[in-house]
PDB file of N, CA and C in Angstrom:
ATOM      1  N   UNK A   1       0.894  -1.252   0.003  1.00  0.00           N
ATOM      2  CA  UNK A   1      -0.014   0.031   0.015  1.00  0.00           C
ATOM      3  C   UNK A   1       0.767   1.215  -0.106  1.00  0.00           C
ATOM      4  N   UNK A   2       1.939   1.227   0.749  1.00  0.00           N
ATOM      5  CA  UNK A   2       2.823   2.433   0.742  1.00  0.00           C
ATOM      6  C   UNK A   2       3.554   2.682  -0.770  1.00  0.00           C
ATOM      7  N   UNK A   3       3.867   1.545  -1.306  1.00  0.00           N
ATOM      8  CA  UNK A   3       4.292   1.679  -2.754  1.00  0.00           C
ATOM      9  C   UNK A   3       3.303   2.224  -3.627  1.00  0.00           C
ATOM     10  N   UNK A   4       2.035   1.928  -3.445  1.00  0.00           N
ATOM     11  CA  UNK A   4       0.987   2.587  -4.296  1.00  0.00           C
ATOM     12  C   UNK A   4       0.970   4.168  -4.025  1.00  0.00           C
ATOM     13  N   UNK A   5       0.931   4.538  -2.809  1.00  0.00           N
ATOM     14  CA  UNK A   5       0.803   5.833  -2.393  1.00  0.00           C
ATOM     15  C   UNK A   5       2.057   6.614  -2.868  1.00  0.00           C
ATOM     16  N   UNK A   6       3.279   6.025  -2.732  1.00  0.00           N
ATOM     17  CA  UNK A   6       4.438   6.817  -3.378  1.00  0.00           C
ATOM     18  C   UNK A   6       4.247   7.007  -4.842  1.00  0.00           C
ATOM     19  N   UNK A   7       3.726   6.031  -5.598  1.00  0.00           N
ATOM     20  CA  UNK A   7       3.549   6.171  -7.004  1.00  0.00           C
ATOM     21  C   UNK A   7       2.544   7.251  -7.225  1.00  0.00           C
ATOM     22  N   UNK A   8       1.597   7.345  -6.449  1.00  0.00           N
ATOM     23  CA  UNK A   8       0.542   8.354  -6.666  1.00  0.00           C
ATOM     24  C   UNK A   8       0.995   9.733  -6.264  1.00  0.00           C
ATOM     25  N   UNK A   9       1.816   9.859  -5.180  1.00  0.00           N
ATOM     26  CA  UNK A   9       1.924  11.182  -4.617  1.00  0.00           C
ATOM     27  C   UNK A   9       3.240  11.828  -5.470  1.00  0.00           C
ATOM     28  N   UNK A  10       4.136  11.138  -5.697  1.00  0.00           N
ATOM     29  CA  UNK A  10       5.520  11.586  -6.168  1.00  0.00           C
ATOM     30  C   UNK A  10       6.545  12.136  -5.069  1.00  0.00           C
ATOM     31  N   UNK A  11       7.787  12.261  -5.480  1.00  0.00           N
ATOM     32  CA  UNK A  11       8.712  12.411  -4.496  1.00  0.00           C
ATOM     33  C   UNK A  11       8.633  13.911  -3.770  1.00  0.00           C
ATOM     34  N   UNK A  12       7.961  14.869  -4.510  1.00  0.00           N
ATOM     35  CA  UNK A  12       7.833  16.184  -3.879  1.00  0.00           C
ATOM     36  C   UNK A  12       6.715  16.113  -2.752  1.00  0.00           C
ATOM     37  N   UNK A  13       5.500  15.505  -3.117  1.00  0.00           N
ATOM     38  CA  UNK A  13       4.566  15.249  -2.129  1.00  0.00           C
ATOM     39  C   UNK A  13       5.019  14.504  -0.989  1.00  0.00           C
ATOM     40  N   UNK A  14       5.778  13.524  -1.172  1.00  0.00           N
ATOM     41  CA  UNK A  14       6.243  12.666   0.027  1.00  0.00           C
ATOM     42  C   UNK A  14       7.180  13.549   0.805  1.00  0.00           C
ATOM     43  N   UNK A  15       8.159  14.357   0.308  1.00  0.00           N
ATOM     44  CA  UNK A  15       8.908  15.064   1.216  1.00  0.00           C
ATOM     45  C   UNK A  15       8.119  16.023   1.883  1.00  0.00           C
ATOM     46  N   UNK A  16       7.026  16.641   1.364  1.00  0.00           N
ATOM     47  CA  UNK A  16       6.035  17.573   2.077  1.00  0.00           C
ATOM     48  C   UNK A  16       5.554  16.827   3.101  1.00  0.00           C
ATOM     49  N   UNK A  17       4.965  15.616   2.907  1.00  0.00           N
ATOM     50  CA  UNK A  17       4.339  14.894   4.044  1.00  0.00           C
ATOM     51  C   UNK A  17       5.222  14.554   5.075  1.00  0.00           C
ATOM     52  N   UNK A  18       6.691  14.204   4.721  1.00  0.00           N
ATOM     53  CA  UNK A  18       7.603  13.887   6.002  1.00  0.00           C
ATOM     54  C   UNK A  18       7.920  15.154   6.658  1.00  0.00           C
ATOM     55  N   UNK A  19       7.771  16.266   6.165  1.00  0.00           N
ATOM     56  CA  UNK A  19       8.125  17.450   6.641  1.00  0.00           C
ATOM     57  C   UNK A  19       7.067  17.877   7.718  1.00  0.00           C
ATOM     58  N   UNK A  20       5.792  17.666   7.291  1.00  0.00           N
ATOM     59  CA  UNK A  20       4.561  17.815   8.081  1.00  0.00           C
ATOM     60  C   UNK A  20       4.740  16.795   9.285  1.00  0.00           C
ATOM     61  N   UNK A  21       5.081  15.584   9.081  1.00  0.00           N
ATOM     62  CA  UNK A  21       5.108  14.547  10.182  1.00  0.00           C
ATOM     63  C   UNK A  21       6.252  15.060  11.095  1.00  0.00           C
ATOM     64  N   UNK A  22       7.488  15.347  10.570  1.00  0.00           N
ATOM     65  CA  UNK A  22       8.428  15.942  11.418  1.00  0.00           C
ATOM     66  C   UNK A  22       7.986  17.054  12.310  1.00  0.00           C
ATOM     67  N   UNK A  23       7.193  18.011  11.767  1.00  0.00           N
ATOM     68  CA  UNK A  23       6.738  19.224  12.388  1.00  0.00           C
ATOM     69  C   UNK A  23       5.665  18.892  13.479  1.00  0.00           C
ATOM     70  N   UNK A  24       5.040  17.773  13.308  1.00  0.00           N
ATOM     71  CA  UNK A  24       4.138  17.240  14.278  1.00  0.00           C
ATOM     72  C   UNK A  24       4.911  16.751  15.396  1.00  0.00           C
ATOM     73  N   UNK A  25       5.874  16.009  15.070  1.00  0.00           N
ATOM     74  CA  UNK A  25       6.841  15.330  16.243  1.00  0.00           C
ATOM     75  C   UNK A  25       7.435  16.510  16.894  1.00  0.00           C
ATOM     76  N   UNK A  26       7.868  17.485  16.417  1.00  0.00           N
ATOM     77  CA  UNK A  26       8.476  18.678  17.185  1.00  0.00           C
ATOM     78  C   UNK A  26       7.549  19.202  18.172  1.00  0.00           C
ATOM     79  N   UNK A  27       6.231  19.595  17.626  1.00  0.00           N
ATOM     80  CA  UNK A  27       5.273  20.064  18.431  1.00  0.00           C
ATOM     81  C   UNK A  27       4.769  19.351  19.601  1.00  0.00           C
ATOM     82  N   UNK A  28       4.708  17.857  19.296  1.00  0.00           N
ATOM     83  CA  UNK A  28       4.484  17.145  20.514  1.00  0.00           C
ATOM     84  C   UNK A  28       5.660  16.924  21.404  1.00  0.00           C
ATOM     85  N   UNK A  29       6.954  17.037  21.020  1.00  0.00           N
ATOM     86  CA  UNK A  29       8.035  17.024  22.011  1.00  0.00           C
ATOM     87  C   UNK A  29       7.963  18.292  22.864  1.00  0.00           C
ATOM     88  N   UNK A  30       7.721  19.434  22.197  1.00  0.00           N
ATOM     89  CA  UNK A  30       7.577  20.757  22.951  1.00  0.00           C
ATOM     90  C   UNK A  30       6.470  20.609  23.927  1.00  0.00           C
ATOM     91  N   UNK A  31       5.339  19.946  23.529  1.00  0.00           N
ATOM     92  CA  UNK A  31       4.288  20.031  24.542  1.00  0.00           C
ATOM     93  C   UNK A  31       4.447  19.091  25.777  1.00  0.00           C
ATOM     94  N   UNK A  32       5.260  18.084  25.303  1.00  0.00           N
ATOM     95  CA  UNK A  32       5.883  17.240  26.624  1.00  0.00           C
ATOM     96  C   UNK A  32       6.833  17.889  27.424  1.00  0.00           C
ATOM     97  N   UNK A  33       7.740  18.746  26.827  1.00  0.00           N
ATOM     98  CA  UNK A  33       8.838  19.370  27.543  1.00  0.00           C
ATOM     99  C   UNK A  33       8.646  20.978  27.359  1.00  0.00           C
ATOM    100  N   UNK A  34       7.779  21.520  27.802  1.00  0.00           N
ATOM    101  CA  UNK A  34       7.567  22.991  27.803  1.00  0.00           C
ATOM    102  C   UNK A  34       8.825  23.791  28.150  1.00  0.00           C
ATOM    103  N   UNK A  35       8.989  24.974  27.255  1.00  0.00           N
ATOM    104  CA  UNK A  35      10.052  25.916  27.574  1.00  0.00           C
ATOM    105  C   UNK A  35       9.746  26.312  29.184  1.00  0.00           C
ATOM    106  N   UNK A  36      10.753  26.608  29.863  1.00  0.00           N
ATOM    107  CA  UNK A  36      10.586  26.952  31.181  1.00  0.00           C
ATOM    108  C   UNK A  36      11.870  27.794  31.771  1.00  0.00           C
ATOM    109  N   UNK A  37      11.468  28.721  32.513  1.00  0.00           N
ATOM    110  CA  UNK A  37      12.589  29.536  33.110  1.00  0.00           C
ATOM    111  C   UNK A  37      13.171  28.674  34.380  1.00  0.00           C
ATOM    112  N   UNK A  38      12.474  27.625  34.805  1.00  0.00           N
ATOM    113  CA  UNK A  38      12.965  27.015  35.970  1.00  0.00           C
ATOM    114  C   UNK A  38      14.401  26.370  35.633  1.00  0.00           C
ATOM    115  N   UNK A  39      15.326  26.636  36.787  1.00  0.00           N
ATOM    116  CA  UNK A  39      16.551  26.055  36.507  1.00  0.00           C
ATOM    117  C   UNK A  39      16.579  24.562  36.834  1.00  0.00           C
ATOM    118  N   UNK A  40      17.621  23.757  36.495  1.00  0.00           N
ATOM    119  CA  UNK A  40      17.485  22.280  36.731  1.00  0.00           C
ATOM    120  C   UNK A  40      17.375  22.296  38.373  1.00  0.00           C
ATOM    121  N   UNK A  41      16.879  21.200  38.686  1.00  0.00           N
ATOM    122  CA  UNK A  41      16.690  20.854  40.115  1.00  0.00           C
ATOM    123  C   UNK A  41      18.162  20.544  40.575  1.00  0.00           C
ATOM    124  N   UNK A  42      18.377  20.799  41.975  1.00  0.00           N
ATOM    125  CA  UNK A  42      19.744  20.413  42.512  1.00  0.00           C
ATOM    126  C   UNK A  42      19.562  19.171  43.239  1.00  0.00           C
ATOM    127  N   UNK A  43      20.553  18.094  42.790  1.00  0.00           N
ATOM    128  CA  UNK A  43      20.664  16.902  43.531  1.00  0.00           C
ATOM    129  C   UNK A  43      21.821  17.042  44.720  1.00  0.00           C
ATOM    130  N   UNK A  44      21.356  17.269  45.900  1.00  0.00           N
ATOM    131  CA  UNK A  44      22.254  17.512  46.798  1.00  0.00           C
ATOM    132  C   UNK A  44      23.422  16.813  47.158  1.00  0.00           C
ATOM    133  N   UNK A  45      23.407  15.340  46.930  1.00  0.00           N
ATOM    134  CA  UNK A  45      24.632  14.458  47.187  1.00  0.00           C
ATOM    135  C   UNK A  45      25.087  14.088  45.936  1.00  0.00           C
ATOM    136  N   UNK A  46      25.079  14.772  44.958  1.00  0.00           N
ATOM    137  CA  UNK A  46      25.392  14.292  43.630  1.00  0.00           C
ATOM    138  C   UNK A  46      26.307  15.382  42.880  1.00  0.00           C
ATOM    139  N   UNK A  47      27.384  14.984  42.462  1.00  0.00           N
ATOM    140  CA  UNK A  47      28.406  15.854  41.819  1.00  0.00           C
ATOM    141  C   UNK A  47      28.829  15.114  40.638  1.00  0.00           C
ATOM    142  N   UNK A  48      28.589  15.832  39.547  1.00  0.00           N
ATOM    143  CA  UNK A  48      28.883  15.139  38.365  1.00  0.00           C
ATOM    144  C   UNK A  48      29.983  16.063  37.330  1.00  0.00           C
ATOM    145  N   UNK A  49      30.757  15.352  36.779  1.00  0.00           N
ATOM    146  CA  UNK A  49      31.776  15.822  36.083  1.00  0.00           C
ATOM    147  C   UNK A  49      32.069  14.871  34.929  1.00  0.00           C
ATOM    148  N   UNK A  50      32.571  15.515  33.713  1.00  0.00           N
ATOM    149  CA  UNK A  50      33.047  14.761  32.553  1.00  0.00           C
ATOM    150  C   UNK A  50      34.604  14.939  32.456  1.00  0.00           C
ATOM    151  N   UNK A  51      35.261  13.799  32.160  1.00  0.00           N
ATOM    152  CA  UNK A  51      36.739  13.922  32.076  1.00  0.00           C
ATOM    153  C   UNK A  51      37.059  14.589  30.688  1.00  0.00           C
ATOM    154  N   UNK A  52      37.900  15.512  30.711  1.00  0.00           N
ATOM    155  CA  UNK A  52      38.289  16.349  29.452  1.00  0.00           C
ATOM    156  C   UNK A  52      39.670  16.012  29.154  1.00  0.00           C
ATOM    157  N   UNK A  53      39.877  14.790  28.290  1.00  0.00           N
ATOM    158  CA  UNK A  53      41.177  14.577  27.614  1.00  0.00           C
ATOM    159  C   UNK A  53      42.048  15.734  26.989  1.00  0.00           C
ATOM    160  N   UNK A  54      41.136  16.637  26.484  1.00  0.00           N
ATOM    161  CA  UNK A  54      41.725  17.819  25.542  1.00  0.00           C
ATOM    162  C   UNK A  54      42.484  18.660  26.562  1.00  0.00           C
ATOM    163  N   UNK A  55      41.989  18.856  27.670  1.00  0.00           N
ATOM    164  CA  UNK A  55      42.720  19.871  28.612  1.00  0.00           C
ATOM    165  C   UNK A  55      43.857  19.107  29.405  1.00  0.00           C
ATOM    166  N   UNK A  56      43.658  17.758  29.801  1.00  0.00           N
ATOM    167  CA  UNK A  56      44.725  17.258  30.312  1.00  0.00           C
ATOM    168  C   UNK A  56      44.686  15.720  29.916  1.00  0.00           C
ATOM    169  N   UNK A  57      45.833  15.263  29.207  1.00  0.00           N
ATOM    170  CA  UNK A  57      45.752  13.834  28.535  1.00  0.00           C
ATOM    171  C   UNK A  57      45.741  12.727  29.500  1.00  0.00           C
ATOM    172  N   UNK A  58      46.193  13.142  30.915  1.00  0.00           N
ATOM    173  CA  UNK A  58      46.272  12.121  31.880  1.00  0.00           C
ATOM    174  C   UNK A  58      44.872  11.833  32.292  1.00  0.00           C
ATOM    175  N   UNK A  59      43.905  12.748  32.097  1.00  0.00           N
ATOM    176  CA  UNK A  59      42.574  12.201  32.395  1.00  0.00           C
ATOM    177  C   UNK A  59      42.098  12.808  33.822  1.00  0.00           C
ATOM    178  N   UNK A  60      42.960  13.613  34.319  1.00  0.00           N
ATOM    179  CA  UNK A  60      42.624  14.049  35.619  1.00  0.00           C
ATOM    180  C   UNK A  60      41.842  15.433  35.735  1.00  0.00           C
ATOM    181  N   UNK A  61      41.765  16.154  34.460  1.00  0.00           N
ATOM    182  CA  UNK A  61      41.146  17.448  34.401  1.00  0.00           C
ATOM    183  C   UNK A  61      39.618  17.064  34.085  1.00  0.00           C
ATOM    184  N   UNK A  62      38.649  17.546  34.884  1.00  0.00           N
ATOM    185  CA  UNK A  62      37.207  17.196  34.601  1.00  0.00           C
ATOM    186  C   UNK A  62      36.376  18.565  34.362  1.00  0.00           C
ATOM    187  N   UNK A  63      35.331  18.678  33.877  1.00  0.00           N
ATOM    188  CA  UNK A  63      34.483  19.740  33.564  1.00  0.00           C
ATOM    189  C   UNK A  63      33.157  19.323  34.525  1.00  0.00           C
ATOM    190  N   UNK A  64      32.724  20.053  35.308  1.00  0.00           N
ATOM    191  CA  UNK A  64      31.423  19.846  36.039  1.00  0.00           C
ATOM    192  C   UNK A  64      30.325  20.040  35.070  1.00  0.00           C
ATOM    193  N   UNK A  65      29.128  19.287  35.524  1.00  0.00           N
ATOM    194  CA  UNK A  65      27.951  19.651  34.640  1.00  0.00           C
ATOM    195  C   UNK A  65      26.836  19.245  35.538  1.00  0.00           C
ATOM    196  N   UNK A  66      25.585  19.720  35.321  1.00  0.00           N
ATOM    197  CA  UNK A  66      24.250  19.346  36.098  1.00  0.00           C
ATOM    198  C   UNK A  66      23.410  18.297  35.424  1.00  0.00           C
ATOM    199  N   UNK A  67      22.894  17.610  36.195  1.00  0.00           N
ATOM    200  CA  UNK A  67      21.798  16.613  35.704  1.00  0.00           C
ATOM    201  C   UNK A  67      20.575  17.305  35.611  1.00  0.00           C
ATOM    202  N   UNK A  68      20.005  16.884  34.333  1.00  0.00           N
ATOM    203  CA  UNK A  68      18.579  17.578  33.972  1.00  0.00           C
ATOM    204  C   UNK A  68      19.004  19.015  33.488  1.00  0.00           C
ATOM    205  N   UNK A  69      20.162  19.257  32.961  1.00  0.00           N
ATOM    206  CA  UNK A  69      20.326  20.569  32.444  1.00  0.00           C
ATOM    207  C   UNK A  69      19.388  21.056  31.273  1.00  0.00           C
ATOM    208  N   UNK A  70      19.293  22.233  30.921  1.00  0.00           N
ATOM    209  CA  UNK A  70      18.546  22.627  29.924  1.00  0.00           C
ATOM    210  C   UNK A  70      19.253  22.703  28.513  1.00  0.00           C
ATOM    211  N   UNK A  71      20.493  22.441  28.741  1.00  0.00           N
ATOM    212  CA  UNK A  71      21.520  22.267  27.528  1.00  0.00           C
ATOM    213  C   UNK A  71      22.299  21.005  27.569  1.00  0.00           C
ATOM    214  N   UNK A  72      22.359  20.341  26.598  1.00  0.00           N
ATOM    215  CA  UNK A  72      23.520  19.189  26.869  1.00  0.00           C
ATOM    216  C   UNK A  72      24.982  19.765  26.696  1.00  0.00           C
ATOM    217  N   UNK A  73      25.809  18.820  27.427  1.00  0.00           N
ATOM    218  CA  UNK A  73      27.105  19.214  27.600  1.00  0.00           C
ATOM    219  C   UNK A  73      27.874  18.690  26.256  1.00  0.00           C
ATOM    220  N   UNK A  74      28.921  19.283  25.893  1.00  0.00           N
ATOM    221  CA  UNK A  74      29.794  18.987  24.797  1.00  0.00           C
ATOM    222  C   UNK A  74      30.832  17.985  25.108  1.00  0.00           C
ATOM    223  N   UNK A  75      30.836  16.923  24.507  1.00  0.00           N
ATOM    224  CA  UNK A  75      31.938  16.016  24.665  1.00  0.00           C
ATOM    225  C   UNK A  75      32.796  15.770  23.471  1.00  0.00           C
ATOM    226  N   UNK A  76      34.002  15.999  23.658  1.00  0.00           N
ATOM    227  CA  UNK A  76      34.983  15.887  22.339  1.00  0.00           C
ATOM    228  C   UNK A  76      36.139  15.194  22.750  1.00  0.00           C
ATOM    229  N   UNK A  77      36.532  14.000  22.064  1.00  0.00           N
ATOM    230  CA  UNK A  77      37.660  13.246  22.172  1.00  0.00           C
ATOM    231  C   UNK A  77      38.177  12.905  20.936  1.00  0.00           C
ATOM    232  N   UNK A  78      39.273  12.013  20.792  1.00  0.00           N
ATOM    233  CA  UNK A  78      39.754  11.554  19.522  1.00  0.00           C
ATOM    234  C   UNK A  78      38.886  10.691  18.831  1.00  0.00           C
ATOM    235  N   UNK A  79      37.918   9.875  19.671  1.00  0.00           N
ATOM    236  CA  UNK A  79      37.009   9.008  19.342  1.00  0.00           C
ATOM    237  C   UNK A  79      35.464   9.211  19.086  1.00  0.00           C
ATOM    238  N   UNK A  80      35.250  10.501  19.757  1.00  0.00           N
ATOM    239  CA  UNK A  80      33.926  10.824  20.043  1.00  0.00           C
ATOM    240  C   UNK A  80      33.781  12.196  19.854  1.00  0.00           C
ATOM    241  N   UNK A  81      32.636  12.669  19.079  1.00  0.00           N
ATOM    242  CA  UNK A  81      32.446  14.121  19.086  1.00  0.00           C
ATOM    243  C   UNK A  81      31.028  14.172  19.187  1.00  0.00           C
ATOM    244  N   UNK A  82      30.383  14.860  20.220  1.00  0.00           N
ATOM    245  CA  UNK A  82      28.979  15.050  20.269  1.00  0.00           C
ATOM    246  C   UNK A  82      28.374  15.743  21.571  1.00  0.00           C
ATOM    247  N   UNK A  83      27.172  15.485  21.930  1.00  0.00           N
ATOM    248  CA  UNK A  83      26.496  15.982  22.985  1.00  0.00           C
ATOM    249  C   UNK A  83      26.067  15.012  23.912  1.00  0.00           C
ATOM    250  N   UNK A  84      25.979  15.159  25.214  1.00  0.00           N
ATOM    251  CA  UNK A  84      25.339  14.325  26.208  1.00  0.00           C
ATOM    252  C   UNK A  84      24.413  14.918  27.167  1.00  0.00           C
ATOM    253  N   UNK A  85      23.283  14.373  27.738  1.00  0.00           N
ATOM    254  CA  UNK A  85      22.578  14.847  28.483  1.00  0.00           C
ATOM    255  C   UNK A  85      21.980  13.805  29.435  1.00  0.00           C
ATOM    256  N   UNK A  86      22.346  14.047  30.831  1.00  0.00           N
ATOM    257  CA  UNK A  86      21.842  13.013  31.868  1.00  0.00           C
ATOM    258  C   UNK A  86      20.590  13.375  32.378  1.00  0.00           C
ATOM    259  N   UNK A  87      19.491  12.670  32.459  1.00  0.00           N
ATOM    260  CA  UNK A  87      18.421  12.928  33.043  1.00  0.00           C
ATOM    261  C   UNK A  87      18.110  12.042  34.268  1.00  0.00           C
ATOM    262  N   UNK A  88      17.776  12.734  35.470  1.00  0.00           N
ATOM    263  CA  UNK A  88      17.368  11.841  36.556  1.00  0.00           C
ATOM    264  C   UNK A  88      15.854  12.336  37.026  1.00  0.00           C
ATOM    265  N   UNK A  89      15.389  11.245  37.543  1.00  0.00           N
ATOM    266  CA  UNK A  89      13.895  11.618  37.918  1.00  0.00           C
ATOM    267  C   UNK A  89      13.980  12.333  39.318  1.00  0.00           C
ATOM    268  N   UNK A  90      13.306  13.486  39.511  1.00  0.00           N
ATOM    269  CA  UNK A  90      13.334  14.152  40.719  1.00  0.00           C
ATOM    270  C   UNK A  90      12.364  13.529  41.626  1.00  0.00           C
ATOM    271  N   UNK A  91      12.489  13.746  43.140  1.00  0.00           N
ATOM    272  CA  UNK A  91      11.590  13.054  43.957  1.00  0.00           C
ATOM    273  C   UNK A  91      10.107  13.523  43.895  1.00  0.00           C
ATOM    274  N   UNK A  92       9.895  14.729  43.339  1.00  0.00           N
ATOM    275  CA  UNK A  92       8.839  15.405  43.125  1.00  0.00           C
ATOM    276  C   UNK A  92       8.611  16.015  41.750  1.00  0.00           C
ATOM    277  N   UNK A  93       7.457  15.656  41.090  1.00  0.00           N
ATOM    278  CA  UNK A  93       7.543  16.178  39.645  1.00  0.00           C
ATOM    279  C   UNK A  93       7.509  17.677  39.589  1.00  0.00           C
ATOM    280  N   UNK A  94       6.988  18.321  40.802  1.00  0.00           N
ATOM    281  CA  UNK A  94       7.130  19.809  40.762  1.00  0.00           C
ATOM    282  C   UNK A  94       8.555  20.412  40.812  1.00  0.00           C
ATOM    283  N   UNK A  95       9.510  19.578  41.266  1.00  0.00           N
ATOM    284  CA  UNK A  95      10.810  19.877  41.271  1.00  0.00           C
ATOM    285  C   UNK A  95      11.600  20.256  40.086  1.00  0.00           C
ATOM    286  N   UNK A  96      11.154  19.681  38.795  1.00  0.00           N
ATOM    287  CA  UNK A  96      11.495  19.966  37.668  1.00  0.00           C
ATOM    288  C   UNK A  96      10.543  19.667  36.595  1.00  0.00           C
ATOM    289  N   UNK A  97       9.662  20.895  36.373  1.00  0.00           N
ATOM    290  CA  UNK A  97       8.404  20.727  35.446  1.00  0.00           C
ATOM    291  C   UNK A  97       8.937  20.362  34.100  1.00  0.00           C
ATOM    292  N   UNK A  98      10.255  20.658  33.774  1.00  0.00           N
ATOM    293  CA  UNK A  98      10.374  20.431  32.115  1.00  0.00           C
ATOM    294  C   UNK A  98      10.506  19.014  31.823  1.00  0.00           C
ATOM    295  N   UNK A  99      10.992  18.198  32.809  1.00  0.00           N
ATOM    296  CA  UNK A  99      11.156  16.773  32.498  1.00  0.00           C
ATOM    297  C   UNK A  99      10.095  15.739  33.214  1.00  0.00           C
ATOM    298  N   UNK A 100       9.232  16.449  33.970  1.00  0.00           N
ATOM    299  CA  UNK A 100       8.238  15.636  34.682  1.00  0.00           C
ATOM    300  C   UNK A 100       7.474  14.762  33.939  1.00  0.00           C
ATOM    301  N   UNK A 101       6.939  15.220  32.975  1.00  0.00           N
ATOM    302  CA  UNK A 101       5.907  14.510  32.082  1.00  0.00           C
ATOM    303  C   UNK A 101       6.662  13.470  31.280  1.00  0.00           C
ATOM    304  N   UNK A 102       8.102  13.663  30.980  1.00  0.00           N
ATOM    305  CA  UNK A 102       8.812  12.631  30.357  1.00  0.00           C
ATOM    306  C   UNK A 102       9.055  11.446  31.247  1.00  0.00           C
ATOM    307  N   UNK A 103       9.184  11.771  32.470  1.00  0.00           N
ATOM    308  CA  UNK A 103       9.391  10.446  33.299  1.00  0.00           C
ATOM    309  C   UNK A 103       8.118   9.825  33.746  1.00  0.00           C
ATOM    310  N   UNK A 104       7.088  10.592  33.783  1.00  0.00           N
ATOM    311  CA  UNK A 104       5.820  10.023  34.260  1.00  0.00           C
ATOM    312  C   UNK A 104       5.362   9.054  33.164  1.00  0.00           C
ATOM    313  N   UNK A 105       5.656   9.413  31.702  1.00  0.00           N
ATOM    314  CA  UNK A 105       5.171   8.673  30.555  1.00  0.00           C
ATOM    315  C   UNK A 105       6.073   7.329  30.448  1.00  0.00           C
ATOM    316  N   UNK A 106       7.382   7.323  31.230  1.00  0.00           N
ATOM    317  CA  UNK A 106       8.320   6.215  30.780  1.00  0.00           C
ATOM    318  C   UNK A 106       8.256   5.381  32.051  1.00  0.00           C
ATOM    319  N   UNK A 107       7.286   5.341  32.886  1.00  0.00           N
ATOM    320  CA  UNK A 107       7.220   4.188  34.001  1.00  0.00           C
ATOM    321  C   UNK A 107       8.207   4.309  35.123  1.00  0.00           C
ATOM    322  N   UNK A 108       8.762   3.201  35.605  1.00  0.00           N
ATOM    323  CA  UNK A 108       9.241   3.492  36.832  1.00  0.00           C
ATOM    324  C   UNK A 108      10.990   3.823  36.621  1.00  0.00           C
ATOM    325  N   UNK A 109      11.445   4.119  35.462  1.00  0.00           N
ATOM    326  CA  UNK A 109      12.869   4.616  35.287  1.00  0.00           C
ATOM    327  C   UNK A 109      13.068   5.827  35.985  1.00  0.00           C
ATOM    328  N   UNK A 110      14.352   5.659  36.548  1.00  0.00           N
ATOM    329  CA  UNK A 110      14.779   6.741  37.329  1.00  0.00           C
ATOM    330  C   UNK A 110      15.916   7.511  36.829  1.00  0.00           C
ATOM    331  N   UNK A 111      16.526   6.931  35.752  1.00  0.00           N
ATOM    332  CA  UNK A 111      17.646   7.676  34.993  1.00  0.00           C
ATOM    333  C   UNK A 111      17.683   7.535  33.516  1.00  0.00           C
ATOM    334  N   UNK A 112      18.058   8.408  32.658  1.00  0.00           N
ATOM    335  CA  UNK A 112      18.226   8.260  31.343  1.00  0.00           C
ATOM    336  C   UNK A 112      19.529   9.067  30.666  1.00  0.00           C
ATOM    337  N   UNK A 113      20.233   8.277  29.956  1.00  0.00           N
ATOM    338  CA  UNK A 113      21.378   9.099  29.477  1.00  0.00           C
ATOM    339  C   UNK A 113      21.238   9.241  27.965  1.00  0.00           C
ATOM    340  N   UNK A 114      21.225  10.405  27.324  1.00  0.00           N
ATOM    341  CA  UNK A 114      21.190  10.607  26.044  1.00  0.00           C
ATOM    342  C   UNK A 114      22.451  11.171  25.407  1.00  0.00           C
ATOM    343  N   UNK A 115      22.594  10.544  24.333  1.00  0.00           N
ATOM    344  CA  UNK A 115      23.928  10.956  23.650  1.00  0.00           C
ATOM    345  C   UNK A 115      23.776  11.240  22.096  1.00  0.00           C
ATOM    346  N   UNK A 116      24.048  12.130  21.550  1.00  0.00           N
ATOM    347  CA  UNK A 116      24.142  12.500  20.006  1.00  0.00           C
ATOM    348  C   UNK A 116      25.556  12.714  19.791  1.00  0.00           C
ATOM    349  N   UNK A 117      26.111  11.801  18.840  1.00  0.00           N
ATOM    350  CA  UNK A 117      27.340  11.666  18.759  1.00  0.00           C
ATOM    351  C   UNK A 117      27.770  11.330  17.198  1.00  0.00           C
ATOM    352  N   UNK A 118      28.999  11.602  16.799  1.00  0.00           N
ATOM    353  CA  UNK A 118      29.505  11.297  15.576  1.00  0.00           C
ATOM    354  C   UNK A 118      30.802  10.505  15.917  1.00  0.00           C
ATOM    355  N   UNK A 119      31.062   9.249  15.715  1.00  0.00           N
ATOM    356  CA  UNK A 119      32.135   8.468  16.014  1.00  0.00           C
ATOM    357  C   UNK A 119      33.257   8.834  14.984  1.00  0.00           C
ATOM    358  N   UNK A 120      34.347   8.448  15.568  1.00  0.00           N
ATOM    359  CA  UNK A 120      35.679   8.616  14.657  1.00  0.00           C
ATOM    360  C   UNK A 120      36.456   7.198  14.693  1.00  0.00           C
ATOM    361  N   UNK A 121      37.185   7.052  13.598  1.00  0.00           N
ATOM    362  CA  UNK A 121      37.921   5.988  13.408  1.00  0.00           C
ATOM    363  C   UNK A 121      39.291   6.079  13.723  1.00  0.00           C
ATOM    364  N   UNK A 122      39.665   7.257  14.327  1.00  0.00           N
ATOM    365  CA  UNK A 122      41.106   7.611  14.620  1.00  0.00           C
ATOM    366  C   UNK A 122      41.807   6.545  15.484  1.00  0.00           C
ATOM    367  N   UNK A 123      42.990   5.991  14.977  1.00  0.00           N
ATOM    368  CA  UNK A 123      43.796   5.035  15.789  1.00  0.00           C
ATOM    369  C   UNK A 123      43.055   3.603  15.792  1.00  0.00           C
ATOM    370  N   UNK A 124      42.156   3.530  15.003  1.00  0.00           N
ATOM    371  CA  UNK A 124      41.535   1.975  14.919  1.00  0.00           C
ATOM    372  C   UNK A 124      42.118   1.295  13.610  1.00  0.00           C
ATOM    373  N   UNK A 125      42.698   0.185  13.774  1.00  0.00           N
ATOM    374  CA  UNK A 125      42.918  -0.461  12.698  1.00  0.00           C
ATOM    375  C   UNK A 125      44.374  -0.687  12.527  1.00  0.00           C
TER     376      UNK A 125
END
């Protein structure tokens, strides 16, 4: 049936349909995670940092970051280039309105690590 639809619509119409579908997905994601001026919640007993081999090849230099940050952190090494975001379920949904609906919809999960990266083949082989 999809093949029949693609023959009837043509490539331009299919591209437009995909763009509309992508716009709907963005709107749905925005509804789940509304823009907010609330800062990320503080997890009192948690200190997070990422090792930064570009500053210190021995791996001792670290860069602190916050869980449930409003912006992902940049991670750059010889083998990895991208961004990461660590999400933790707050004790009360009101502590972090931005991600409350995300965690409520995901069941009992208490942690999520998101990474968007481009791998590299340096040194492999």
